[in-house]
Amino acid sequence: MTLVLISDLSGAASQAAITEVLGEGASLGYLASGHEPELSYYGATQKQYAELGVSLCHYLDLEQGYTLAGLNTLLSCQAIHLAGGDTFQFLAQLQARGLMESFKAYLNCGGILIGLSAGAMLMTPTIASASLCGDVNPLGLSDLGALALLPYQFLPHSDLSDGGVALSVQAASLLEASTLAEYPLILCSDEDAVIATKTGLRGFGQPLLFDGVGLMALA
């Protein structure tokens, strides 16, 4: 199992984490969080990966133009980039397409998932933390259960200028204590990144972990 969780693809920590798990010339697919009529985010992401020597070669969104053949092509890629965007919309589309088990199987067969912001939150057991970074739930989504690929929650774009104190207070008031104890919250700024494997977490930059009681650094 190899997961990369990032807030900003252009950050040095994010790029270091990605280059550690991807070899030169790796094939990478892109799963959009919503339909991109102009493919602007996809194009910008392609350029950023090209600078790392990685070919982003397949686009798929779950709203328009979705086909089983397109999904199979995505799942045949060495790694998949789960894009940022509207976390609630992204999860709703995954649920509607019935793809939760597909991505678990992909990971179990040696695939690599790189989640950017919303895409990273989707890899966790729940996207309840999305409201902490300003996401709203216009769809009225009641089931916030996500892919549950790692036993942690994730909060991108974290302001850690005060050592994460303010965010930990907000998290403790919003999220259930029992859930935080079971699935601690990773606080990740745009300058941080995390690699998750079966052996645990590895932090790049200075991400923090909050279990509802204390804040800990991720080495």
Protein backbone atom coordinates (compact mmCIF):
# COMPACT_ATOMS: atom_id res chain seq x y z
CA MET A 1 0.00 0.00 0.00
CA THR A 2 1.39 3.37 -1.00
CA LEU A 3 -0.52 6.62 -0.58
CA VAL A 4 0.70 10.19 -0.93
CA LEU A 5 -1.36 12.92 0.72
CA ILE A 6 -0.65 16.53 -0.27
CA SER A 7 -2.17 20.01 -0.09
CA ASP A 8 -0.28 21.67 -2.95
CA LEU A 9 1.45 19.90 -5.82
CA SER A 10 3.90 22.75 -6.34
CA GLY A 11 5.35 22.50 -2.82
CA ALA A 12 8.86 21.13 -2.35
CA ALA A 13 7.68 18.59 0.24
CA SER A 14 4.94 17.32 -2.06
CA GLN A 15 7.33 16.93 -4.96
CA ALA A 16 9.88 15.14 -2.76
CA ALA A 17 7.21 12.69 -1.57
CA ILE A 18 5.98 12.03 -5.11
CA THR A 19 9.43 11.47 -6.59
CA GLU A 20 10.18 9.04 -3.77
CA VAL A 21 7.29 6.75 -4.73
CA LEU A 22 7.27 7.23 -8.52
CA GLY A 23 10.09 6.22 -10.83
CA GLU A 24 11.17 8.19 -13.89
CA GLY A 25 8.67 7.69 -16.71
CA ALA A 26 5.89 6.32 -14.52
CA SER A 27 2.42 6.25 -16.07
CA LEU A 28 -0.07 8.34 -14.15
CA GLY A 29 -3.85 8.70 -14.48
CA TYR A 30 -5.97 11.64 -13.34
CA LEU A 31 -9.38 11.35 -11.67
CA ALA A 32 -11.14 14.71 -11.63
CA SER A 33 -13.22 15.78 -8.65
CA GLY A 34 -15.80 17.21 -11.06
CA HIS A 35 -16.23 17.82 -14.77
CA GLU A 36 -13.51 20.06 -16.27
CA PRO A 37 -14.91 21.47 -19.55
CA GLU A 38 -11.61 23.13 -20.50
CA LEU A 39 -9.38 20.56 -18.78
CA SER A 40 -7.53 23.51 -17.26
CA TYR A 41 -6.68 21.84 -13.94
CA TYR A 42 -5.71 18.67 -15.76
CA GLY A 43 -3.42 20.59 -18.11
CA ALA A 44 -1.74 22.47 -15.28
CA THR A 45 -1.26 19.23 -13.35
CA GLN A 46 0.23 17.57 -16.44
CA LYS A 47 2.87 20.32 -16.63
CA GLN A 48 3.76 19.99 -12.96
CA TYR A 49 4.21 16.24 -13.22
CA ALA A 50 6.22 16.62 -16.44
CA GLU A 51 8.71 18.72 -14.48
CA LEU A 52 9.15 15.69 -12.21
CA GLY A 53 9.70 13.37 -15.19
CA VAL A 54 6.26 11.76 -14.84
CA SER A 55 3.74 11.40 -17.66
CA LEU A 56 0.15 12.23 -16.73
CA CYS A 57 -1.51 10.50 -19.64
CA HIS A 58 -5.16 9.73 -18.91
CA TYR A 59 -8.05 11.96 -17.78
CA LEU A 60 -11.31 10.67 -16.32
CA ASP A 61 -14.17 12.40 -14.59
CA LEU A 62 -17.18 10.74 -13.07
CA GLU A 63 -19.79 13.20 -14.34
CA GLN A 64 -19.49 13.47 -18.13
CA GLY A 65 -17.94 11.13 -20.68
CA TYR A 66 -17.51 8.40 -18.09
CA THR A 67 -17.14 4.89 -19.52
CA LEU A 68 -16.11 1.52 -18.15
CA ALA A 69 -13.27 1.47 -20.70
CA GLY A 70 -12.06 4.81 -19.37
CA LEU A 71 -12.15 3.49 -15.82
CA ASN A 72 -10.20 0.38 -16.80
CA THR A 73 -7.56 2.53 -18.48
CA LEU A 74 -7.28 4.62 -15.33
CA LEU A 75 -6.91 1.52 -13.17
CA SER A 76 -4.20 0.17 -15.47
CA CYS A 77 -1.97 3.17 -14.73
CA GLN A 78 0.96 2.73 -12.35
CA ALA A 79 -0.39 5.53 -10.18
CA ILE A 80 -3.55 7.66 -9.99
CA HIS A 81 -3.79 11.32 -9.06
CA LEU A 82 -7.02 12.10 -7.18
CA ALA A 83 -7.61 15.77 -7.89
CA GLY A 84 -8.56 18.55 -5.52
CA GLY A 85 -11.88 20.36 -5.62
CA ASP A 86 -15.27 19.91 -3.97
CA THR A 87 -14.80 17.08 -1.47
CA PHE A 88 -18.50 16.40 -1.00
CA GLN A 89 -19.20 16.33 -4.75
CA PHE A 90 -16.20 14.07 -5.35
CA LEU A 91 -17.34 11.58 -2.71
CA ALA A 92 -20.92 11.65 -3.99
CA GLN A 93 -19.72 10.75 -7.49
CA LEU A 94 -17.59 7.88 -6.20
CA GLN A 95 -20.53 6.56 -4.25
CA ALA A 96 -22.95 6.97 -7.18
CA ARG A 97 -20.62 5.07 -9.53
CA GLY A 98 -20.08 2.32 -6.95
CA LEU A 99 -16.30 2.62 -7.21
CA MET A 100 -15.25 2.40 -3.57
CA GLU A 101 -14.15 -1.22 -3.84
CA SER A 102 -12.44 -0.64 -7.21
CA PHE A 103 -9.90 1.72 -5.71
CA LYS A 104 -9.30 -0.53 -2.71
CA ALA A 105 -8.59 -3.41 -5.10
CA TYR A 106 -6.31 -1.18 -7.19
CA LEU A 107 -4.27 -0.30 -4.12
CA ASN A 108 -4.10 -3.91 -2.96
CA CYS A 109 -2.71 -4.90 -6.38
CA GLY A 110 0.22 -2.51 -6.03
CA GLY A 111 -1.25 0.70 -7.42
CA ILE A 112 -0.20 4.05 -5.99
CA LEU A 113 -2.67 6.79 -5.10
CA ILE A 114 -1.68 10.45 -4.87
CA GLY A 115 -4.38 12.57 -3.27
CA LEU A 116 -4.40 16.36 -3.57
CA SER A 117 -6.51 18.14 -0.96
CA ALA A 118 -10.04 16.75 -1.55
CA GLY A 119 -8.48 13.72 -3.23
CA ALA A 120 -6.42 13.05 -0.10
CA MET A 121 -9.45 13.37 2.17
CA LEU A 122 -11.24 10.76 0.05
CA MET A 123 -8.59 8.20 0.97
CA THR A 124 -9.49 8.42 4.67
CA PRO A 125 -12.39 6.80 6.57
CA THR A 126 -14.48 10.00 6.59
CA ILE A 127 -14.50 13.46 4.99
CA ALA A 128 -16.00 15.06 8.11
CA SER A 129 -12.87 17.22 8.40
CA ALA A 130 -13.67 18.91 5.06
CA SER A 131 -15.72 21.61 6.77
CA LEU A 132 -12.60 22.69 8.67
CA CYS A 133 -11.05 23.91 5.43
CA GLY A 134 -14.17 25.69 4.21
CA ASP A 135 -15.97 22.97 2.24
CA VAL A 136 -19.75 22.94 2.43
CA ASN A 137 -22.22 20.15 1.77
CA PRO A 138 -24.71 21.57 -0.77
CA LEU A 139 -25.73 18.06 -1.82
CA GLY A 140 -26.87 17.25 1.69
CA LEU A 141 -24.67 14.16 1.65
CA SER A 142 -25.46 12.13 4.77
CA ASP A 143 -22.94 9.31 4.33
CA LEU A 144 -19.50 10.88 4.74
CA GLY A 145 -17.72 7.53 4.75
CA ALA A 146 -14.88 7.51 2.23
CA LEU A 147 -12.36 4.94 0.95
CA ALA A 148 -10.87 4.15 4.40
CA LEU A 149 -7.48 3.25 2.95
CA LEU A 150 -5.63 4.42 6.07
CA PRO A 151 -6.72 4.86 9.71
CA TYR A 152 -6.34 8.63 9.77
CA GLN A 153 -8.32 11.73 8.83
CA PHE A 154 -6.75 14.51 6.77
CA LEU A 155 -6.94 18.31 6.83
CA PRO A 156 -5.22 20.07 3.88
CA HIS A 157 -4.20 23.73 3.65
CA SER A 158 -3.68 23.85 7.42
CA ASP A 159 -2.44 27.07 8.98
CA LEU A 160 0.21 25.78 11.35
CA SER A 161 1.74 29.15 12.19
CA ASP A 162 0.70 28.70 15.83
CA GLY A 163 1.86 25.10 15.94
CA GLY A 164 -1.58 23.81 15.04
CA VAL A 165 -3.20 24.90 18.31
CA ALA A 166 -6.14 26.82 16.81
CA LEU A 167 -6.94 24.06 14.33
CA SER A 168 -6.78 21.38 17.01
CA VAL A 169 -9.30 23.35 19.09
CA GLN A 170 -11.61 23.65 16.07
CA ALA A 171 -11.20 19.97 15.27
CA ALA A 172 -11.99 18.95 18.83
CA SER A 173 -15.21 20.98 18.75
CA LEU A 174 -16.34 19.71 15.33
CA LEU A 175 -15.25 16.08 15.24
CA GLU A 176 -16.32 13.39 17.67
CA ALA A 177 -13.73 12.56 20.31
CA SER A 178 -14.13 8.84 19.73
CA THR A 179 -13.53 9.27 15.99
CA LEU A 180 -10.42 11.39 16.59
CA ALA A 181 -9.08 8.76 18.98
CA GLU A 182 -9.67 6.01 16.42
CA TYR A 183 -8.68 8.05 13.35
CA PRO A 184 -6.29 10.87 14.34
CA LEU A 185 -6.30 13.98 12.16
CA ILE A 186 -3.29 14.78 9.97
CA LEU A 187 -2.78 18.56 9.79
CA CYS A 188 -1.00 19.32 6.52
CA SER A 189 -0.05 22.80 5.29
CA ASP A 190 0.69 23.59 1.65
CA GLU A 191 4.37 23.12 2.51
CA ASP A 192 3.90 19.60 3.88
CA ALA A 193 3.20 16.11 2.55
CA VAL A 194 2.69 12.61 3.94
CA ILE A 195 3.42 9.14 2.60
CA ALA A 196 1.33 6.34 4.10
CA THR A 197 2.34 2.69 3.78
CA LYS A 198 1.50 -0.47 5.70
CA THR A 199 4.34 0.36 8.08
CA GLY A 200 2.95 3.78 9.01
CA LEU A 201 3.23 7.46 8.12
CA ARG A 202 6.21 9.49 6.96
CA GLY A 203 6.02 13.25 7.03
CA PHE A 204 7.71 15.69 4.64
CA GLY A 205 7.97 19.24 5.89
CA GLN A 206 6.30 19.62 9.29
CA PRO A 207 2.84 17.98 9.26
CA LEU A 208 1.20 17.33 12.62
CA LEU A 209 -1.05 14.63 14.06
CA PHE A 210 -3.95 15.39 16.42
CA ASP A 211 -5.71 12.59 18.30
CA GLY A 212 -8.19 14.76 20.17
CA VAL A 213 -5.85 15.15 23.13
CA GLY A 214 -2.39 16.17 21.94
CA LEU A 215 -0.48 17.35 18.89
CA MET A 216 2.44 15.30 17.63
CA ALA A 217 5.00 15.90 14.89
CA LEU A 218 5.19 13.45 11.99
CA ALA A 219 8.82 12.59 11.36
